[in-house]
Protein backbone atom coordinates (compact mmCIF):
# COMPACT_ATOMS: atom_id res chain seq x y z
CA MET A 1 -3.20 10.31 -55.47
CA LYS A 2 -4.32 6.67 -55.78
CA PHE A 3 -5.70 4.87 -58.82
CA SER A 4 -7.92 1.80 -58.75
CA ARG A 5 -6.27 -1.39 -59.90
CA ASP A 6 -9.63 -2.99 -60.64
CA THR A 7 -10.35 -1.13 -63.89
CA GLY A 8 -10.19 -3.03 -67.13
CA ALA A 9 -8.46 -0.19 -68.94
CA THR A 10 -4.98 -0.72 -70.36
CA ASN A 11 -1.97 0.87 -68.71
CA THR A 12 -1.44 3.02 -71.80
CA ASP A 13 -5.01 4.32 -71.56
CA LEU A 14 -4.61 5.12 -67.87
CA TYR A 15 -1.32 6.91 -68.44
CA THR A 16 -2.69 8.87 -71.41
CA SER A 17 -5.83 9.95 -69.58
CA CYS A 18 -4.02 11.08 -66.44
CA TYR A 19 -1.19 12.71 -68.36
CA ILE A 20 -3.35 14.83 -70.64
CA ARG A 21 -5.63 15.90 -67.79
CA PHE A 22 -2.62 16.93 -65.72
CA CYS A 23 -1.12 18.85 -68.68
CA TYR A 24 -4.40 20.69 -69.07
CA PHE A 25 -4.41 21.52 -65.35
CA VAL A 26 -0.88 22.94 -65.58
CA TRP A 27 -1.79 24.98 -68.64
CA SER A 28 -5.04 26.36 -67.19
CA THR A 29 -3.17 27.37 -64.03
CA PHE A 30 -0.59 29.53 -65.78
CA VAL A 31 -1.98 30.47 -69.22
CA ASP A 32 -5.07 32.64 -69.44
CA ILE A 33 -6.02 32.13 -73.11
CA ARG A 34 -9.05 29.92 -73.55
CA LEU A 35 -10.63 29.47 -76.97
CA THR A 36 -13.65 27.44 -78.02
CA PRO A 37 -13.24 25.19 -81.09
CA TYR A 38 -14.99 27.82 -83.23
CA GLU A 39 -12.79 30.60 -81.84
CA ALA A 40 -9.68 28.52 -82.45
CA ARG A 41 -10.78 27.95 -86.06
CA VAL A 42 -11.40 31.67 -86.64
CA ILE A 43 -8.07 32.72 -85.11
CA GLY A 44 -6.21 29.99 -86.96
CA SER A 45 -7.80 30.99 -90.27
CA LEU A 46 -6.85 34.65 -89.80
CA LEU A 47 -3.28 33.71 -88.85
CA GLU A 48 -3.00 31.49 -91.92
CA LYS A 49 -4.42 33.97 -94.43
CA GLN A 50 -2.31 36.82 -93.06
CA ARG A 51 0.77 34.78 -93.99
CA THR A 52 -0.32 32.97 -97.14
CA THR A 53 -2.51 35.57 -98.90
CA PRO A 54 -1.54 38.97 -97.44
CA GLU A 55 -3.00 40.72 -100.48
CA HIS A 56 -6.48 39.60 -99.37
CA TYR A 57 -6.00 40.25 -95.66
CA PRO A 58 -7.88 41.42 -93.51
CA LEU A 59 -10.85 39.19 -94.36
CA SER A 60 -14.50 39.98 -94.90
CA LEU A 61 -17.12 37.90 -93.10
CA ASN A 62 -17.72 35.88 -96.25
CA ALA A 63 -14.01 35.26 -96.84
CA LEU A 64 -13.45 34.30 -93.21
CA THR A 65 -16.39 31.90 -93.28
CA ASN A 66 -14.96 30.25 -96.39
CA ALA A 67 -11.55 30.02 -94.73
CA CYS A 68 -13.06 28.34 -91.66
CA ASN A 69 -14.92 25.82 -93.83
CA GLN A 70 -12.08 24.85 -96.16
CA LYS A 71 -12.07 21.18 -97.12
CA SER A 72 -8.26 21.13 -97.23
CA SER A 73 -5.85 21.89 -94.37
CA ARG A 74 -8.64 21.62 -91.79
CA ASP A 75 -9.38 18.93 -89.24
CA PRO A 76 -12.17 18.56 -88.51
CA VAL A 77 -13.85 20.03 -91.58
CA MET A 78 -16.55 22.42 -90.39
CA GLY A 79 -19.71 23.80 -91.98
CA LEU A 80 -20.16 27.11 -90.17
CA ASP A 81 -22.69 29.64 -91.42
CA GLU A 82 -22.06 33.38 -91.41
CA VAL A 83 -24.29 33.91 -88.39
CA THR A 84 -22.16 31.54 -86.33
CA VAL A 85 -18.91 33.04 -87.58
CA GLN A 86 -20.17 36.56 -86.84
CA LYS A 87 -21.11 35.56 -83.29
CA THR A 88 -17.66 34.02 -82.84
CA ILE A 89 -16.05 37.21 -84.16
CA ASP A 90 -18.11 39.29 -81.72
CA ASP A 91 -16.99 37.10 -78.82
CA LEU A 92 -13.35 37.40 -79.89
CA LYS A 93 -13.70 41.17 -80.22
CA LYS A 94 -14.83 41.33 -76.60
CA MET A 95 -11.62 39.53 -75.64
CA HIS A 96 -9.63 41.92 -77.87
CA TYR A 97 -8.36 39.09 -80.09
CA ILE A 98 -10.00 40.52 -83.24
CA SER A 99 -10.59 44.04 -84.53
CA GLU A 100 -12.40 45.56 -87.49
CA LYS A 101 -10.57 47.26 -90.30
CA SER A 102 -12.33 48.95 -93.19
CA GLY A 103 -10.41 50.35 -96.13
CA PHE A 104 -10.93 53.85 -97.49
CA GLY A 105 -14.16 53.96 -99.48
CA SER A 106 -15.01 50.34 -98.69
CA ARG A 107 -18.42 49.45 -97.34
CA VAL A 108 -17.43 45.92 -96.42
CA THR A 109 -16.25 45.37 -92.87
CA LYS A 110 -13.09 43.28 -92.66
CA TYR A 111 -11.50 41.56 -89.70
CA GLN A 112 -7.94 41.11 -88.51
CA HIS A 113 -6.57 39.21 -85.55
CA ARG A 114 -4.93 40.81 -82.52
CA PHE A 115 -4.05 37.44 -81.08
CA CYS A 116 -0.27 37.69 -81.27
CA ASN A 117 2.62 39.64 -82.80
CA THR A 118 0.70 42.92 -82.80
CA GLU A 119 1.13 46.21 -81.00
CA PHE A 120 -2.06 45.48 -79.05
CA GLY A 121 -0.77 42.60 -76.94
CA THR A 122 2.27 41.02 -75.35
CA LEU A 123 2.06 37.56 -76.91
CA ARG A 124 4.93 37.12 -79.37
CA PHE A 125 5.91 34.14 -81.51
CA SER A 126 8.80 33.59 -83.89
CA ASP A 127 7.91 32.70 -87.48
CA GLN A 128 8.45 29.03 -86.75
CA GLU A 129 6.50 29.09 -83.48
CA LEU A 130 3.65 30.91 -85.21
CA GLY A 131 3.60 28.39 -88.05
CA ILE A 132 3.27 25.50 -85.62
CA VAL A 133 0.63 27.21 -83.48
CA CYS A 134 -1.40 28.13 -86.56
CA VAL A 135 -1.41 24.58 -87.97
CA LEU A 136 -2.24 23.07 -84.58
CA LEU A 137 -5.18 25.45 -84.24
CA LEU A 138 -6.45 24.42 -87.68
CA ARG A 139 -5.69 20.70 -87.74
CA GLY A 140 -5.47 19.41 -84.17
CA PRO A 141 -2.85 16.97 -82.81
CA GLN A 142 0.03 16.28 -85.22
CA THR A 143 3.46 14.68 -85.33
CA PRO A 144 6.65 16.71 -85.93
CA GLY A 145 6.84 15.23 -89.42
CA GLU A 146 3.30 16.34 -90.23
CA LEU A 147 3.98 19.79 -88.81
CA ARG A 148 7.08 20.22 -90.95
CA THR A 149 5.13 19.38 -94.12
CA ARG A 150 2.01 21.35 -93.26
CA THR A 151 3.79 24.57 -92.26
CA GLU A 152 5.67 24.94 -95.57
CA ARG A 153 3.58 27.95 -96.66
CA LEU A 154 3.86 29.59 -93.26
CA CYS A 155 7.53 29.18 -92.31
CA LYS A 156 10.66 27.20 -93.11
CA PHE A 157 12.23 24.32 -91.21
CA GLN A 158 15.57 22.90 -92.27
CA ASP A 159 14.81 19.45 -90.89
CA ILE A 160 12.70 17.54 -88.39
CA HIS A 161 15.12 18.37 -85.59
CA GLU A 162 14.37 22.07 -86.03
CA VAL A 163 10.66 21.32 -85.71
CA GLU A 164 11.28 19.39 -82.50
CA ALA A 165 13.45 22.20 -81.13
CA THR A 166 10.66 24.72 -81.80
CA LEU A 167 8.13 22.47 -80.11
CA ASP A 168 10.44 22.28 -77.09
CA GLN A 169 10.58 26.09 -77.01
CA LEU A 170 6.79 26.31 -77.06
CA MET A 171 6.59 23.82 -74.18
CA GLN A 172 9.26 25.56 -72.08
CA ARG A 173 8.57 29.26 -72.57
CA GLU A 174 8.16 31.22 -69.36
CA ASP A 175 4.86 32.69 -70.57
CA GLY A 176 3.62 29.27 -71.68
CA PRO A 177 3.47 26.39 -72.14
CA PHE A 178 1.61 26.66 -75.44
CA VAL A 179 1.86 23.06 -76.65
CA ALA A 180 2.02 19.64 -75.01
CA LYS A 181 3.34 16.26 -76.09
CA LEU A 182 0.80 13.46 -76.04
CA PRO A 183 1.92 9.98 -74.94
CA ARG A 184 2.96 7.74 -77.83
CA GLU A 185 0.06 5.76 -79.22
CA PRO A 186 0.44 1.96 -79.35
CA GLY A 187 1.95 0.88 -82.65
CA LYS A 188 2.93 4.42 -83.67
CA ARG A 189 6.53 5.55 -84.18
CA GLU A 190 6.02 9.29 -83.68
CA VAL A 191 4.38 11.18 -80.85
CA ARG A 192 1.81 13.88 -81.49
CA PHE A 193 1.67 17.42 -80.16
CA ILE A 194 -1.37 19.51 -79.32
CA HIS A 195 -1.92 23.22 -78.68
CA LEU A 196 -3.01 24.39 -75.24
CA PHE A 197 -5.20 27.37 -76.11
CA ASP A 198 -8.43 25.55 -75.34
CA GLY A 199 -9.76 22.36 -73.81
CA ALA A 200 -8.48 20.31 -76.72
CA LEU A 201 -6.59 17.97 -74.41
CA GLU A 202 -9.89 16.91 -72.92
CA MET A 203 -11.33 16.29 -76.41
CA SER A 204 -8.30 14.91 -78.20
CA GLY A 205 -9.75 11.47 -78.64
CA ALA A 206 -7.46 9.90 -76.06
CA ALA A 207 -9.13 7.01 -74.29
CA THR A 208 -10.20 7.39 -70.67
CA PRO A 209 -10.47 4.60 -68.14
CA GLU A 210 -14.27 4.89 -68.17
CA ASN A 211 -14.77 4.51 -71.93
CA SER A 212 -11.97 2.06 -72.63
CA ALA A 213 -12.79 -0.74 -70.22
CA THR A 214 -13.01 -3.21 -73.09
CA ALA A 215 -9.81 -2.08 -74.77
CA GLY A 216 -7.37 -4.13 -72.72
CA SER A 217 -6.97 -7.24 -70.67
CA GLY A 218 -5.80 -6.30 -67.19
CA THR A 219 -3.40 -4.03 -65.36
CA ASN A 220 0.15 -4.09 -64.10
CA SER A 221 0.91 -3.00 -60.54
CA ASP A 222 4.41 -1.85 -61.36
CA ARG A 223 3.17 0.41 -64.16
CA MET A 224 0.42 1.77 -61.90
CA ASP A 225 2.97 2.60 -59.22
CA GLN A 226 5.10 4.32 -61.84
CA LEU A 227 2.09 6.34 -62.94
CA GLU A 228 1.41 7.44 -59.39
CA GLN A 229 5.02 8.56 -59.02
CA ILE A 230 4.88 10.54 -62.28
CA VAL A 231 1.71 12.37 -61.32
CA ASN A 232 2.99 13.14 -57.82
CA ALA A 233 6.25 14.46 -59.27
CA LEU A 234 4.33 16.68 -61.68
CA ARG A 235 2.17 17.92 -58.82
CA ASP A 236 5.31 18.86 -56.87
CA GLU A 237 6.67 20.75 -59.87
CA VAL A 238 3.44 22.74 -60.19
CA ALA A 239 3.53 23.57 -56.46
CA THR A 240 7.11 24.79 -56.86
CA LEU A 241 6.18 26.97 -59.83
CA LYS A 242 3.20 28.44 -57.99
CA ALA A 243 5.37 29.24 -54.97
CA ARG A 244 7.89 30.95 -57.22
CA LEU A 245 5.15 33.02 -58.86
CA ASP A 246 3.79 33.98 -55.44
CA ARG A 247 7.25 35.20 -54.41
CA MET A 248 7.63 37.17 -57.63
CA SER A 249 4.21 38.75 -57.06
CA ARG A 250 5.10 39.78 -53.52
CA ASP A 251 8.44 41.21 -54.66
CA GLN A 252 6.64 43.40 -57.19
CA GLU A 253 4.19 44.82 -54.68
CA PRO A 254 4.64 48.53 -53.84
CA GLY A 255 6.84 49.02 -50.80
CA SER A 256 8.46 45.59 -51.03
CA SER A 257 12.16 45.47 -50.32
CA GLN A 258 14.48 45.23 -53.32
């Protein structure tokens, strides 16, 4: 893979753009959970309310709409109407990520998630993993420090190192990865992490070579060569993983030798 050295984009922009696109390619190759921004907000809201206000869970359409549109603990803040939320619920029901649950004698239909940690699916998260996934679904890319603070009502972390260890688990799980680390932004001390359940990496606000041509003042051949080596190495790793999965699939076929 070759990159033009004539672009006016900064090396950081080029690295960020290529890195996040490659992360998204790896994720979409191995993980088959794809949520729209509205679906991510609905699932995140149900996950949050199940943990923070279990006495009011499952949620009615009105309660779920209010949860999606909260002014606090949401980024971006949305203004969804009930028609939009209902359509999103219906789409998630078709994917078996949401089910209806009506209490005895109640005429109001309520909704609960089947996204993870239920008897209806295989996706399982620890309390700490679930807390991080929930907050990333609701608030987008965040640093480990932000995640520690914002998950206080969902789970407990002893320190920042425990947050980082949980993020590493989510990136390295055999059934994942479920999160990715974004390249460090210029002038920032901490890196941010993003969930991989939708196309958020493509919409994370990271600059691309095309829209950042005025952001920098030239390129560096050594850094470009390094970038090419990184991407090629990542491509080789993906090829290795795919080959291993192909072998596992063949070994599991009926009549294969043990």
